[in-house]
């Protein structure tokens, strides 16, 4: 739930930045004259990078928790830990 809120906050920040950088009605002060197109490309590149970073962060955290559960299952299967320890650790990992 907290990650969903963080994503929404970042999306809201991105929308505010769009309005600040691009100006009113998407034209901006100089439009496409001069180096305006470079700023647009830079801005959209930044937005794409931000989205990719957020998506990868969410996927990597899920992958890490799956890896830790796999390790825990292997430890339980090999007899390193008792069933009680396994259940406690599993409960802690799934929080």
PDB file of N, CA and C in Angstrom:
ATOM      1  N   UNK A   1       0.818  -1.198   0.000  1.00  0.00           N
ATOM      2  CA  UNK A   1       0.000   0.000   0.000  1.00  0.00           C
ATOM      3  C   UNK A   1       0.860   1.258   0.000  1.00  0.00           C
ATOM      4  N   UNK A   2       1.932   1.227   0.791  1.00  0.00           N
ATOM      5  CA  UNK A   2       2.800   2.398   0.885  1.00  0.00           C
ATOM      6  C   UNK A   2       3.475   2.684  -0.453  1.00  0.00           C
ATOM      7  N   UNK A   3       3.845   1.621  -1.173  1.00  0.00           N
ATOM      8  CA  UNK A   3       4.488   1.807  -2.477  1.00  0.00           C
ATOM      9  C   UNK A   3       3.522   2.429  -3.473  1.00  0.00           C
ATOM     10  N   UNK A   4       2.240   2.027  -3.397  1.00  0.00           N
ATOM     11  CA  UNK A   4       1.238   2.610  -4.289  1.00  0.00           C
ATOM     12  C   UNK A   4       1.098   4.104  -4.027  1.00  0.00           C
ATOM     13  N   UNK A   5       1.118   4.492  -2.765  1.00  0.00           N
ATOM     14  CA  UNK A   5       1.034   5.914  -2.427  1.00  0.00           C
ATOM     15  C   UNK A   5       2.256   6.663  -2.937  1.00  0.00           C
ATOM     16  N   UNK A   6       3.430   6.044  -2.811  1.00  0.00           N
ATOM     17  CA  UNK A   6       4.654   6.682  -3.300  1.00  0.00           C
ATOM     18  C   UNK A   6       4.603   6.886  -4.805  1.00  0.00           C
ATOM     19  N   UNK A   7       4.095   5.907  -5.527  1.00  0.00           N
ATOM     20  CA  UNK A   7       3.994   6.028  -6.980  1.00  0.00           C
ATOM     21  C   UNK A   7       3.044   7.153  -7.342  1.00  0.00           C
ATOM     22  N   UNK A   8       1.915   7.243  -6.645  1.00  0.00           N
ATOM     23  CA  UNK A   8       0.964   8.316  -6.925  1.00  0.00           C
ATOM     24  C   UNK A   8       1.572   9.687  -6.643  1.00  0.00           C
ATOM     25  N   UNK A   9       2.353   9.784  -5.591  1.00  0.00           N
ATOM     26  CA  UNK A   9       3.012  11.053  -5.271  1.00  0.00           C
ATOM     27  C   UNK A   9       3.990  11.430  -6.381  1.00  0.00           C
ATOM     28  N   UNK A  10       4.770  10.460  -6.861  1.00  0.00           N
ATOM     29  CA  UNK A  10       5.725  10.744  -7.940  1.00  0.00           C
ATOM     30  C   UNK A  10       5.014  11.142  -9.224  1.00  0.00           C
ATOM     31  N   UNK A  11       3.893  10.505  -9.520  1.00  0.00           N
ATOM     32  CA  UNK A  11       3.130  10.872 -10.714  1.00  0.00           C
ATOM     33  C   UNK A  11       2.609  12.295 -10.582  1.00  0.00           C
ATOM     34  N   UNK A  12       2.113  12.646  -9.412  1.00  0.00           N
ATOM     35  CA  UNK A  12       1.629  14.006  -9.179  1.00  0.00           C
ATOM     36  C   UNK A  12       2.762  15.021  -9.328  1.00  0.00           C
ATOM     37  N   UNK A  13       3.922  14.704  -8.795  1.00  0.00           N
ATOM     38  CA  UNK A  13       5.076  15.592  -8.934  1.00  0.00           C
ATOM     39  C   UNK A  13       5.449  15.754 -10.403  1.00  0.00           C
ATOM     40  N   UNK A  14       5.414  14.660 -11.154  1.00  0.00           N
ATOM     41  CA  UNK A  14       5.740  14.727 -12.584  1.00  0.00           C
ATOM     42  C   UNK A  14       4.755  15.616 -13.332  1.00  0.00           C
ATOM     43  N   UNK A  15       3.480  15.517 -13.002  1.00  0.00           N
ATOM     44  CA  UNK A  15       2.467  16.351 -13.659  1.00  0.00           C
ATOM     45  C   UNK A  15       2.701  17.825 -13.339  1.00  0.00           C
ATOM     46  N   UNK A  16       3.028  18.124 -12.101  1.00  0.00           N
ATOM     47  CA  UNK A  16       3.305  19.514 -11.719  1.00  0.00           C
ATOM     48  C   UNK A  16       4.528  20.035 -12.473  1.00  0.00           C
ATOM     49  N   UNK A  17       5.558  19.208 -12.586  1.00  0.00           N
ATOM     50  CA  UNK A  17       6.755  19.619 -13.320  1.00  0.00           C
ATOM     51  C   UNK A  17       6.433  19.879 -14.783  1.00  0.00           C
ATOM     52  N   UNK A  18       5.553  19.056 -15.359  1.00  0.00           N
ATOM     53  CA  UNK A  18       5.154  19.269 -16.756  1.00  0.00           C
ATOM     54  C   UNK A  18       4.553  20.652 -16.911  1.00  0.00           C
ATOM     55  N   UNK A  19       3.638  21.003 -16.046  1.00  0.00           N
ATOM     56  CA  UNK A  19       3.004  22.315 -16.147  1.00  0.00           C
ATOM     57  C   UNK A  19       3.997  23.453 -15.925  1.00  0.00           C
ATOM     58  N   UNK A  20       4.961  23.246 -15.047  1.00  0.00           N
ATOM     59  CA  UNK A  20       5.947  24.295 -14.799  1.00  0.00           C
ATOM     60  C   UNK A  20       6.929  24.456 -15.956  1.00  0.00           C
ATOM     61  N   UNK A  21       7.363  23.346 -16.541  1.00  0.00           N
ATOM     62  CA  UNK A  21       8.354  23.417 -17.611  1.00  0.00           C
ATOM     63  C   UNK A  21       7.758  23.783 -18.962  1.00  0.00           C
ATOM     64  N   UNK A  22       6.628  23.192 -19.268  1.00  0.00           N
ATOM     65  CA  UNK A  22       6.051  23.378 -20.594  1.00  0.00           C
ATOM     66  C   UNK A  22       5.288  24.684 -20.676  1.00  0.00           C
ATOM     67  N   UNK A  23       4.717  25.137 -19.613  1.00  0.00           N
ATOM     68  CA  UNK A  23       3.980  26.398 -19.628  1.00  0.00           C
ATOM     69  C   UNK A  23       2.499  26.166 -19.864  1.00  0.00           C
ATOM     70  N   UNK A  24       1.810  27.231 -20.162  1.00  0.00           N
ATOM     71  CA  UNK A  24       0.360  27.126 -20.314  1.00  0.00           C
ATOM     72  C   UNK A  24      -0.002  26.492 -21.648  1.00  0.00           C
ATOM     73  N   UNK A  25      -0.918  25.570 -21.599  1.00  0.00           N
ATOM     74  CA  UNK A  25      -1.481  24.882 -22.757  1.00  0.00           C
ATOM     75  C   UNK A  25      -0.432  24.157 -23.598  1.00  0.00           C
ATOM     76  N   UNK A  26       0.658  23.743 -22.999  1.00  0.00           N
ATOM     77  CA  UNK A  26       1.623  22.905 -23.684  1.00  0.00           C
ATOM     78  C   UNK A  26       2.532  23.617 -24.662  1.00  0.00           C
ATOM     79  N   UNK A  27       2.440  24.919 -24.815  1.00  0.00           N
ATOM     80  CA  UNK A  27       3.260  25.628 -25.787  1.00  0.00           C
ATOM     81  C   UNK A  27       4.509  26.193 -25.120  1.00  0.00           C
ATOM     82  N   UNK A  28       4.387  26.685 -23.939  1.00  0.00           N
ATOM     83  CA  UNK A  28       5.521  27.275 -23.242  1.00  0.00           C
ATOM     84  C   UNK A  28       5.798  28.677 -23.747  1.00  0.00           C
ATOM     85  N   UNK A  29       6.798  29.278 -23.198  1.00  0.00           N
ATOM     86  CA  UNK A  29       7.119  30.652 -23.572  1.00  0.00           C
ATOM     87  C   UNK A  29       7.708  30.758 -24.968  1.00  0.00           C
ATOM     88  N   UNK A  30       8.507  29.778 -25.373  1.00  0.00           N
ATOM     89  CA  UNK A  30       9.187  29.865 -26.657  1.00  0.00           C
ATOM     90  C   UNK A  30       8.728  28.803 -27.648  1.00  0.00           C
ATOM     91  N   UNK A  31       7.876  27.907 -27.220  1.00  0.00           N
ATOM     92  CA  UNK A  31       7.402  26.875 -28.130  1.00  0.00           C
ATOM     93  C   UNK A  31       8.546  26.000 -28.596  1.00  0.00           C
ATOM     94  N   UNK A  32       8.568  25.686 -29.881  1.00  0.00           N
ATOM     95  CA  UNK A  32       9.601  24.820 -30.434  1.00  0.00           C
ATOM     96  C   UNK A  32      10.771  25.616 -31.014  1.00  0.00           C
ATOM     97  N   UNK A  33      10.772  26.912 -30.841  1.00  0.00           N
ATOM     98  CA  UNK A  33      11.863  27.733 -31.364  1.00  0.00           C
ATOM     99  C   UNK A  33      13.089  27.592 -30.471  1.00  0.00           C
ATOM    100  N   UNK A  34      14.240  27.804 -31.033  1.00  0.00           N
ATOM    101  CA  UNK A  34      15.461  27.747 -30.241  1.00  0.00           C
ATOM    102  C   UNK A  34      15.707  26.342 -29.727  1.00  0.00           C
ATOM    103  N   UNK A  35      15.972  26.234 -28.442  1.00  0.00           N
ATOM    104  CA  UNK A  35      16.285  24.943 -27.848  1.00  0.00           C
ATOM    105  C   UNK A  35      15.109  24.365 -27.066  1.00  0.00           C
ATOM    106  N   UNK A  36      13.912  24.848 -27.330  1.00  0.00           N
ATOM    107  CA  UNK A  36      12.728  24.359 -26.626  1.00  0.00           C
ATOM    108  C   UNK A  36      12.510  22.875 -26.792  1.00  0.00           C
ATOM    109  N   UNK A  37      12.795  22.352 -27.994  1.00  0.00           N
ATOM    110  CA  UNK A  37      12.588  20.928 -28.237  1.00  0.00           C
ATOM    111  C   UNK A  37      13.556  20.085 -27.418  1.00  0.00           C
ATOM    112  N   UNK A  38      14.758  20.599 -27.160  1.00  0.00           N
ATOM    113  CA  UNK A  38      15.710  19.852 -26.337  1.00  0.00           C
ATOM    114  C   UNK A  38      15.210  19.718 -24.902  1.00  0.00           C
ATOM    115  N   UNK A  39      14.609  20.784 -24.392  1.00  0.00           N
ATOM    116  CA  UNK A  39      14.066  20.711 -23.039  1.00  0.00           C
ATOM    117  C   UNK A  39      12.890  19.741 -22.972  1.00  0.00           C
ATOM    118  N   UNK A  40      12.083  19.704 -24.027  1.00  0.00           N
ATOM    119  CA  UNK A  40      10.977  18.742 -24.060  1.00  0.00           C
ATOM    120  C   UNK A  40      11.514  17.318 -24.085  1.00  0.00           C
ATOM    121  N   UNK A  41      12.526  17.063 -24.923  1.00  0.00           N
ATOM    122  CA  UNK A  41      13.122  15.728 -24.986  1.00  0.00           C
ATOM    123  C   UNK A  41      13.746  15.346 -23.649  1.00  0.00           C
ATOM    124  N   UNK A  42      14.435  16.282 -23.045  1.00  0.00           N
ATOM    125  CA  UNK A  42      15.039  16.036 -21.739  1.00  0.00           C
ATOM    126  C   UNK A  42      13.972  15.728 -20.695  1.00  0.00           C
ATOM    127  N   UNK A  43      12.903  16.491 -20.717  1.00  0.00           N
ATOM    128  CA  UNK A  43      11.831  16.293 -19.748  1.00  0.00           C
ATOM    129  C   UNK A  43      11.174  14.928 -19.921  1.00  0.00           C
ATOM    130  N   UNK A  44      10.803  14.582 -21.156  1.00  0.00           N
ATOM    131  CA  UNK A  44      10.145  13.297 -21.379  1.00  0.00           C
ATOM    132  C   UNK A  44      11.093  12.131 -21.111  1.00  0.00           C
ATOM    133  N   UNK A  45      12.368  12.319 -21.393  1.00  0.00           N
ATOM    134  CA  UNK A  45      13.349  11.298 -21.038  1.00  0.00           C
ATOM    135  C   UNK A  45      13.422  11.098 -19.537  1.00  0.00           C
ATOM    136  N   UNK A  46      13.354  12.197 -18.793  1.00  0.00           N
ATOM    137  CA  UNK A  46      13.363  12.126 -17.335  1.00  0.00           C
ATOM    138  C   UNK A  46      12.122  11.399 -16.807  1.00  0.00           C
ATOM    139  N   UNK A  47      10.976  11.690 -17.389  1.00  0.00           N
ATOM    140  CA  UNK A  47       9.735  11.021 -16.969  1.00  0.00           C
ATOM    141  C   UNK A  47       9.816   9.524 -17.248  1.00  0.00           C
ATOM    142  N   UNK A  48      10.295   9.152 -18.435  1.00  0.00           N
ATOM    143  CA  UNK A  48      10.414   7.732 -18.774  1.00  0.00           C
ATOM    144  C   UNK A  48      11.393   7.048 -17.830  1.00  0.00           C
ATOM    145  N   UNK A  49      12.519   7.699 -17.550  1.00  0.00           N
ATOM    146  CA  UNK A  49      13.496   7.135 -16.625  1.00  0.00           C
ATOM    147  C   UNK A  49      12.883   6.931 -15.243  1.00  0.00           C
ATOM    148  N   UNK A  50      12.105   7.908 -14.773  1.00  0.00           N
ATOM    149  CA  UNK A  50      11.472   7.827 -13.457  1.00  0.00           C
ATOM    150  C   UNK A  50      10.502   6.654 -13.393  1.00  0.00           C
ATOM    151  N   UNK A  51       9.687   6.487 -14.415  1.00  0.00           N
ATOM    152  CA  UNK A  51       8.722   5.385 -14.443  1.00  0.00           C
ATOM    153  C   UNK A  51       9.448   4.043 -14.451  1.00  0.00           C
ATOM    154  N   UNK A  52      10.472   3.906 -15.292  1.00  0.00           N
ATOM    155  CA  UNK A  52      11.224   2.650 -15.364  1.00  0.00           C
ATOM    156  C   UNK A  52      11.890   2.349 -14.026  1.00  0.00           C
ATOM    157  N   UNK A  53      12.448   3.360 -13.386  1.00  0.00           N
ATOM    158  CA  UNK A  53      13.097   3.172 -12.089  1.00  0.00           C
ATOM    159  C   UNK A  53      12.104   2.705 -11.031  1.00  0.00           C
ATOM    160  N   UNK A  54      10.926   3.316 -10.997  1.00  0.00           N
ATOM    161  CA  UNK A  54       9.917   2.915 -10.018  1.00  0.00           C
ATOM    162  C   UNK A  54       9.435   1.495 -10.262  1.00  0.00           C
ATOM    163  N   UNK A  55       9.214   1.136 -11.513  1.00  0.00           N
ATOM    164  CA  UNK A  55       8.751  -0.218 -11.838  1.00  0.00           C
ATOM    165  C   UNK A  55       9.819  -1.239 -11.470  1.00  0.00           C
ATOM    166  N   UNK A  56      11.076  -0.969 -11.811  1.00  0.00           N
ATOM    167  CA  UNK A  56      12.158  -1.895 -11.481  1.00  0.00           C
ATOM    168  C   UNK A  56      12.359  -2.021  -9.976  1.00  0.00           C
ATOM    169  N   UNK A  57      12.175  -0.944  -9.244  1.00  0.00           N
ATOM    170  CA  UNK A  57      12.318  -0.996  -7.787  1.00  0.00           C
ATOM    171  C   UNK A  57      11.262  -1.910  -7.181  1.00  0.00           C
ATOM    172  N   UNK A  58      10.028  -1.820  -7.684  1.00  0.00           N
ATOM    173  CA  UNK A  58       8.966  -2.681  -7.177  1.00  0.00           C
ATOM    174  C   UNK A  58       9.233  -4.135  -7.526  1.00  0.00           C
ATOM    175  N   UNK A  59       9.706  -4.409  -8.725  1.00  0.00           N
ATOM    176  CA  UNK A  59       9.969  -5.780  -9.138  1.00  0.00           C
ATOM    177  C   UNK A  59      11.144  -6.369  -8.373  1.00  0.00           C
ATOM    178  N   UNK A  60      12.176  -5.594  -8.147  1.00  0.00           N
ATOM    179  CA  UNK A  60      13.343  -6.120  -7.439  1.00  0.00           C
ATOM    180  C   UNK A  60      13.014  -6.424  -5.984  1.00  0.00           C
ATOM    181  N   UNK A  61      12.159  -5.622  -5.352  1.00  0.00           N
ATOM    182  CA  UNK A  61      11.801  -5.904  -3.959  1.00  0.00           C
ATOM    183  C   UNK A  61      10.979  -7.180  -3.868  1.00  0.00           C
ATOM    184  N   UNK A  62      10.119  -7.438  -4.852  1.00  0.00           N
ATOM    185  CA  UNK A  62       9.360  -8.686  -4.868  1.00  0.00           C
ATOM    186  C   UNK A  62      10.296  -9.866  -5.084  1.00  0.00           C
ATOM    187  N   UNK A  63      11.258  -9.712  -5.983  1.00  0.00           N
ATOM    188  CA  UNK A  63      12.193 -10.781  -6.282  1.00  0.00           C
ATOM    189  C   UNK A  63      13.053 -11.103  -5.068  1.00  0.00           C
ATOM    190  N   UNK A  64      13.495 -10.095  -4.342  1.00  0.00           N
ATOM    191  CA  UNK A  64      14.310 -10.319  -3.157  1.00  0.00           C
ATOM    192  C   UNK A  64      13.538 -11.082  -2.093  1.00  0.00           C
ATOM    193  N   UNK A  65      12.254 -10.756  -1.907  1.00  0.00           N
ATOM    194  CA  UNK A  65      11.478 -11.461  -0.894  1.00  0.00           C
ATOM    195  C   UNK A  65      11.238 -12.906  -1.313  1.00  0.00           C
ATOM    196  N   UNK A  66      11.077 -13.170  -2.609  1.00  0.00           N
ATOM    197  CA  UNK A  66      10.920 -14.539  -3.075  1.00  0.00           C
ATOM    198  C   UNK A  66      12.213 -15.318  -2.864  1.00  0.00           C
ATOM    199  N   UNK A  67      13.335 -14.674  -3.106  1.00  0.00           N
ATOM    200  CA  UNK A  67      14.614 -15.332  -2.898  1.00  0.00           C
ATOM    201  C   UNK A  67      14.819 -15.684  -1.428  1.00  0.00           C
ATOM    202  N   UNK A  68      14.443 -14.788  -0.544  1.00  0.00           N
ATOM    203  CA  UNK A  68      14.621 -15.063   0.877  1.00  0.00           C
ATOM    204  C   UNK A  68      13.710 -16.199   1.335  1.00  0.00           C
ATOM    205  N   UNK A  69      12.505 -16.266   0.776  1.00  0.00           N
ATOM    206  CA  UNK A  69      11.619 -17.385   1.111  1.00  0.00           C
ATOM    207  C   UNK A  69      12.179 -18.700   0.589  1.00  0.00           C
ATOM    208  N   UNK A  70      12.768 -18.679  -0.581  1.00  0.00           N
ATOM    209  CA  UNK A  70      13.370 -19.892  -1.139  1.00  0.00           C
ATOM    210  C   UNK A  70      14.514 -20.367  -0.255  1.00  0.00           C
ATOM    211  N   UNK A  71      15.333 -19.442   0.188  1.00  0.00           N
ATOM    212  CA  UNK A  71      16.441 -19.793   1.082  1.00  0.00           C
ATOM    213  C   UNK A  71      15.904 -20.371   2.388  1.00  0.00           C
ATOM    214  N   UNK A  72      14.855 -19.747   2.911  1.00  0.00           N
ATOM    215  CA  UNK A  72      14.258 -20.232   4.154  1.00  0.00           C
ATOM    216  C   UNK A  72      13.711 -21.644   3.983  1.00  0.00           C
ATOM    217  N   UNK A  73      13.047 -21.900   2.864  1.00  0.00           N
ATOM    218  CA  UNK A  73      12.515 -23.247   2.599  1.00  0.00           C
ATOM    219  C   UNK A  73      13.641 -24.271   2.501  1.00  0.00           C
ATOM    220  N   UNK A  74      14.738 -23.896   1.860  1.00  0.00           N
ATOM    221  CA  UNK A  74      15.875 -24.814   1.741  1.00  0.00           C
ATOM    222  C   UNK A  74      16.478 -25.109   3.107  1.00  0.00           C
ATOM    223  N   UNK A  75      16.582 -24.082   3.941  1.00  0.00           N
ATOM    224  CA  UNK A  75      17.128 -24.288   5.289  1.00  0.00           C
ATOM    225  C   UNK A  75      16.233 -25.218   6.104  1.00  0.00           C
ATOM    226  N   UNK A  76      14.920 -25.053   5.949  1.00  0.00           N
ATOM    227  CA  UNK A  76      13.978 -25.918   6.670  1.00  0.00           C
ATOM    228  C   UNK A  76      14.055 -27.346   6.131  1.00  0.00           C
ATOM    229  N   UNK A  77      14.136 -27.473   4.811  1.00  0.00           N
ATOM    230  CA  UNK A  77      14.188 -28.797   4.198  1.00  0.00           C
ATOM    231  C   UNK A  77      15.470 -29.540   4.568  1.00  0.00           C
ATOM    232  N   UNK A  78      16.563 -28.822   4.728  1.00  0.00           N
ATOM    233  CA  UNK A  78      17.831 -29.479   5.070  1.00  0.00           C
ATOM    234  C   UNK A  78      17.951 -29.768   6.563  1.00  0.00           C
ATOM    235  N   UNK A  79      17.029 -29.243   7.362  1.00  0.00           N
ATOM    236  CA  UNK A  79      17.041 -29.515   8.793  1.00  0.00           C
ATOM    237  C   UNK A  79      17.841 -28.515   9.605  1.00  0.00           C
ATOM    238  N   UNK A  80      18.256 -27.426   9.003  1.00  0.00           N
ATOM    239  CA  UNK A  80      19.017 -26.407   9.736  1.00  0.00           C
ATOM    240  C   UNK A  80      18.175 -25.729  10.806  1.00  0.00           C
ATOM    241  N   UNK A  81      16.895 -25.553  10.524  1.00  0.00           N
ATOM    242  CA  UNK A  81      16.006 -24.863  11.458  1.00  0.00           C
ATOM    243  C   UNK A  81      14.793 -25.738  11.741  1.00  0.00           C
ATOM    244  N   UNK A  82      14.177 -25.494  12.883  1.00  0.00           N
ATOM    245  CA  UNK A  82      12.991 -26.260  13.263  1.00  0.00           C
ATOM    246  C   UNK A  82      11.750 -25.678  12.587  1.00  0.00           C
ATOM    247  N   UNK A  83      10.649 -26.410  12.716  1.00  0.00           N
ATOM    248  CA  UNK A  83       9.401 -25.943  12.113  1.00  0.00           C
ATOM    249  C   UNK A  83       8.959 -24.631  12.757  1.00  0.00           C
ATOM    250  N   UNK A  84       9.132 -24.527  14.071  1.00  0.00           N
ATOM    251  CA  UNK A  84       8.748 -23.307  14.774  1.00  0.00           C
ATOM    252  C   UNK A  84       9.567 -22.114  14.271  1.00  0.00           C
ATOM    253  N   UNK A  85      10.875 -22.307  14.141  1.00  0.00           N
ATOM    254  CA  UNK A  85      11.727 -21.235  13.621  1.00  0.00           C
ATOM    255  C   UNK A  85      11.330 -20.871  12.192  1.00  0.00           C
ATOM    256  N   UNK A  86      11.028 -21.908  11.394  1.00  0.00           N
ATOM    257  CA  UNK A  86      10.619 -21.677  10.006  1.00  0.00           C
ATOM    258  C   UNK A  86       9.362 -20.817   9.949  1.00  0.00           C
ATOM    259  N   UNK A  87       8.365 -21.168  10.745  1.00  0.00           N
ATOM    260  CA  UNK A  87       7.106 -20.417  10.745  1.00  0.00           C
ATOM    261  C   UNK A  87       7.320 -18.972  11.204  1.00  0.00           C
ATOM    262  N   UNK A  88       8.135 -18.779  12.239  1.00  0.00           N
ATOM    263  CA  UNK A  88       8.402 -17.420  12.729  1.00  0.00           C
ATOM    264  C   UNK A  88       9.125 -16.573  11.682  1.00  0.00           C
ATOM    265  N   UNK A  89      10.127 -17.164  11.051  1.00  0.00           N
ATOM    266  CA  UNK A  89      10.887 -16.423  10.034  1.00  0.00           C
ATOM    267  C   UNK A  89      10.029 -16.126   8.806  1.00  0.00           C
ATOM    268  N   UNK A  90       9.206 -17.083   8.436  1.00  0.00           N
ATOM    269  CA  UNK A  90       8.328 -16.883   7.280  1.00  0.00           C
ATOM    270  C   UNK A  90       7.335 -15.764   7.560  1.00  0.00           C
ATOM    271  N   UNK A  91       6.780 -15.770   8.765  1.00  0.00           N
ATOM    272  CA  UNK A  91       5.837 -14.718   9.149  1.00  0.00           C
ATOM    273  C   UNK A  91       6.520 -13.350   9.116  1.00  0.00           C
ATOM    274  N   UNK A  92       7.751 -13.283   9.579  1.00  0.00           N
ATOM    275  CA  UNK A  92       8.510 -12.024   9.583  1.00  0.00           C
ATOM    276  C   UNK A  92       8.817 -11.551   8.160  1.00  0.00           C
ATOM    277  N   UNK A  93       9.153 -12.470   7.279  1.00  0.00           N
ATOM    278  CA  UNK A  93       9.474 -12.101   5.897  1.00  0.00           C
ATOM    279  C   UNK A  93       8.256 -11.622   5.119  1.00  0.00           C
ATOM    280  N   UNK A  94       7.093 -12.154   5.443  1.00  0.00           N
ATOM    281  CA  UNK A  94       5.883 -11.816   4.689  1.00  0.00           C
ATOM    282  C   UNK A  94       5.178 -10.578   5.215  1.00  0.00           C
ATOM    283  N   UNK A  95       5.737  -9.921   6.207  1.00  0.00           N
ATOM    284  CA  UNK A  95       5.134  -8.686   6.735  1.00  0.00           C
ATOM    285  C   UNK A  95       5.115  -7.616   5.693  1.00  0.00           C
TER     286      UNK A  95
END
